Amino acid sequence: MDPQPPAALSAGLDPEDFYFDGPLLVFTAAWHLKRGSCCGSGCRHCPYGHASVATARPAGPDRP
């Protein structure tokens, strides 16, 4: 079984752009760098220091 869902394939993602953490698709820093700026979602691998995040998100099992 292919671990990549059709949505990821049709979005034109390269294998280095994401990985799965259980059912979650997680974007890597490589994808964020291709995007070009912080999206403001508090992403796990944001290489821009969460520059566009309005408020800090609380720590949780997937966020240190």
N, C-alpha and C. Protein backbone atom coordinates (compact mmCIF):
# COMPACT_ATOMS: atom_id res chain seq x y z
N MET A 1 0.84 -1.20 0.00
CA MET A 1 0.00 0.00 0.00
C MET A 1 0.88 1.25 0.00
N ASP A 2 0.58 2.18 -0.86
CA ASP A 2 1.34 3.43 -0.96
C ASP A 2 0.96 4.35 0.20
N PRO A 3 1.96 4.83 1.02
CA PRO A 3 1.64 5.68 2.16
C PRO A 3 1.23 7.10 1.79
N GLN A 4 1.37 7.48 0.52
CA GLN A 4 1.01 8.84 0.11
C GLN A 4 -0.43 8.87 -0.37
N PRO A 5 -1.25 9.72 0.25
CA PRO A 5 -2.63 9.81 -0.21
C PRO A 5 -2.70 10.52 -1.55
N PRO A 6 -3.74 10.29 -2.33
CA PRO A 6 -3.88 10.95 -3.63
C PRO A 6 -3.81 12.47 -3.54
N ALA A 7 -4.31 13.06 -2.45
CA ALA A 7 -4.27 14.52 -2.32
C ALA A 7 -2.84 15.02 -2.30
N ALA A 8 -1.95 14.32 -1.61
CA ALA A 8 -0.55 14.74 -1.56
C ALA A 8 0.09 14.63 -2.94
N LEU A 9 -0.25 13.58 -3.66
CA LEU A 9 0.32 13.41 -5.00
C LEU A 9 -0.20 14.46 -5.97
N SER A 10 -1.49 14.74 -5.91
CA SER A 10 -2.06 15.71 -6.84
C SER A 10 -1.64 17.13 -6.50
N ALA A 11 -1.18 17.38 -5.28
CA ALA A 11 -0.72 18.71 -4.88
C ALA A 11 0.70 18.97 -5.36
N GLY A 12 1.34 17.97 -5.96
CA GLY A 12 2.68 18.16 -6.48
C GLY A 12 3.76 18.16 -5.42
N LEU A 13 3.54 17.45 -4.31
CA LEU A 13 4.53 17.40 -3.25
C LEU A 13 5.62 16.39 -3.58
N ASP A 14 6.85 16.74 -3.26
CA ASP A 14 7.97 15.83 -3.40
C ASP A 14 8.13 15.05 -2.10
N PRO A 15 8.73 13.87 -2.14
CA PRO A 15 8.88 13.07 -0.92
C PRO A 15 9.58 13.80 0.23
N GLU A 16 10.51 14.70 -0.07
CA GLU A 16 11.20 15.44 1.00
C GLU A 16 10.36 16.58 1.57
N ASP A 17 9.19 16.82 1.00
CA ASP A 17 8.34 17.92 1.46
C ASP A 17 7.48 17.58 2.67
N PHE A 18 7.29 16.30 2.95
CA PHE A 18 6.37 15.92 4.01
C PHE A 18 6.66 14.52 4.51
N TYR A 19 6.07 14.19 5.66
CA TYR A 19 6.05 12.82 6.17
C TYR A 19 4.76 12.66 6.97
N PHE A 20 4.46 11.43 7.33
CA PHE A 20 3.25 11.17 8.12
C PHE A 20 3.63 10.89 9.56
N ASP A 21 2.88 11.50 10.46
CA ASP A 21 2.97 11.22 11.89
C ASP A 21 1.60 10.69 12.27
N GLY A 22 1.45 9.37 12.21
CA GLY A 22 0.13 8.77 12.36
C GLY A 22 -0.72 9.21 11.18
N PRO A 23 -1.91 9.74 11.45
CA PRO A 23 -2.78 10.16 10.34
C PRO A 23 -2.47 11.56 9.82
N LEU A 24 -1.54 12.26 10.46
CA LEU A 24 -1.24 13.65 10.09
C LEU A 24 -0.17 13.74 9.03
N LEU A 25 -0.38 14.57 8.04
CA LEU A 25 0.64 14.90 7.06
C LEU A 25 1.39 16.11 7.63
N VAL A 26 2.71 15.96 7.80
CA VAL A 26 3.53 17.00 8.41
C VAL A 26 4.48 17.55 7.35
N PHE A 27 4.44 18.86 7.14
CA PHE A 27 5.35 19.48 6.18
C PHE A 27 6.73 19.68 6.80
N THR A 28 7.76 19.44 6.01
CA THR A 28 9.14 19.60 6.46
C THR A 28 9.62 21.03 6.23
N ALA A 29 10.77 21.35 6.81
CA ALA A 29 11.36 22.67 6.58
C ALA A 29 11.64 22.88 5.10
N ALA A 30 11.98 21.81 4.37
CA ALA A 30 12.23 21.93 2.93
C ALA A 30 10.99 22.47 2.21
N TRP A 31 9.81 21.98 2.57
CA TRP A 31 8.58 22.48 1.94
C TRP A 31 8.34 23.94 2.30
N HIS A 32 8.54 24.27 3.58
CA HIS A 32 8.32 25.65 4.01
C HIS A 32 9.26 26.61 3.29
N LEU A 33 10.50 26.18 3.07
CA LEU A 33 11.44 27.04 2.34
C LEU A 33 10.99 27.23 0.90
N LYS A 34 10.43 26.19 0.29
CA LYS A 34 9.88 26.33 -1.07
C LYS A 34 8.69 27.28 -1.08
N ARG A 35 7.89 27.25 -0.01
CA ARG A 35 6.72 28.13 0.10
C ARG A 35 7.15 29.58 0.14
N GLY A 36 8.23 29.86 0.88
CA GLY A 36 8.82 31.19 0.85
C GLY A 36 8.53 32.11 2.03
N SER A 37 7.57 31.75 2.92
CA SER A 37 7.29 32.60 4.07
C SER A 37 6.51 31.80 5.11
N CYS A 38 6.44 32.35 6.31
CA CYS A 38 5.67 31.73 7.39
C CYS A 38 4.18 31.86 7.07
N CYS A 39 3.44 30.76 7.23
CA CYS A 39 2.00 30.78 6.93
C CYS A 39 1.16 31.18 8.15
N GLY A 40 1.77 31.21 9.33
CA GLY A 40 1.06 31.62 10.53
C GLY A 40 0.32 30.50 11.24
N SER A 41 0.52 29.26 10.82
CA SER A 41 -0.20 28.14 11.42
C SER A 41 0.53 27.49 12.59
N GLY A 42 1.72 27.96 12.91
CA GLY A 42 2.48 27.36 14.01
C GLY A 42 3.04 26.00 13.65
N CYS A 43 3.48 25.84 12.45
CA CYS A 43 3.95 24.55 11.95
C CYS A 43 5.16 24.04 12.72
N ARG A 44 5.22 22.72 12.86
CA ARG A 44 6.26 22.04 13.62
C ARG A 44 7.66 22.35 13.10
N HIS A 45 7.85 22.43 11.81
CA HIS A 45 9.17 22.60 11.22
C HIS A 45 9.37 23.96 10.55
N CYS A 46 8.70 24.99 11.05
CA CYS A 46 8.80 26.32 10.45
C CYS A 46 10.23 26.85 10.52
N PRO A 47 10.86 27.12 9.37
CA PRO A 47 12.22 27.66 9.38
C PRO A 47 12.23 29.19 9.53
N TYR A 48 11.07 29.79 9.66
CA TYR A 48 10.96 31.24 9.75
C TYR A 48 10.70 31.73 11.17
N GLY A 49 10.84 30.83 12.16
CA GLY A 49 10.67 31.22 13.55
C GLY A 49 9.24 31.61 13.91
N HIS A 50 8.27 31.05 13.19
CA HIS A 50 6.85 31.35 13.43
C HIS A 50 6.58 32.86 13.36
N ALA A 51 7.19 33.51 12.41
CA ALA A 51 7.12 34.96 12.27
C ALA A 51 5.70 35.50 12.10
N SER A 52 4.79 34.73 11.53
CA SER A 52 3.43 35.21 11.28
C SER A 52 2.39 34.65 12.25
N VAL A 53 2.84 33.93 13.27
CA VAL A 53 1.91 33.34 14.23
C VAL A 53 1.47 34.43 15.20
N ALA A 54 0.16 34.64 15.31
CA ALA A 54 -0.37 35.73 16.14
C ALA A 54 -0.15 35.48 17.63
N THR A 55 -0.40 34.27 18.09
CA THR A 55 -0.20 33.94 19.51
C THR A 55 0.52 32.62 19.62
N ALA A 56 1.25 32.46 20.69
CA ALA A 56 1.98 31.22 20.92
C ALA A 56 0.98 30.09 21.16
N ARG A 57 1.25 28.94 20.59
CA ARG A 57 0.41 27.78 20.81
C ARG A 57 0.95 27.01 22.00
N PRO A 58 0.08 26.42 22.82
CA PRO A 58 0.56 25.69 23.98
C PRO A 58 1.34 24.45 23.59
N ALA A 59 2.27 24.06 24.44
CA ALA A 59 3.05 22.86 24.20
C ALA A 59 2.12 21.66 24.28
N GLY A 60 2.44 20.65 23.55
CA GLY A 60 1.65 19.42 23.56
C GLY A 60 2.55 18.26 23.18
N PRO A 61 1.99 17.07 23.02
CA PRO A 61 2.81 15.91 22.72
C PRO A 61 3.58 16.03 21.40
N ASP A 62 3.07 16.83 20.46
CA ASP A 62 3.76 17.00 19.18
C ASP A 62 4.50 18.33 19.10
N ARG A 63 4.46 19.13 20.16
CA ARG A 63 5.13 20.43 20.17
C ARG A 63 5.90 20.60 21.47
N PRO A 64 7.21 20.76 21.37
CA PRO A 64 8.01 20.97 22.59
C PRO A 64 7.76 22.31 23.22
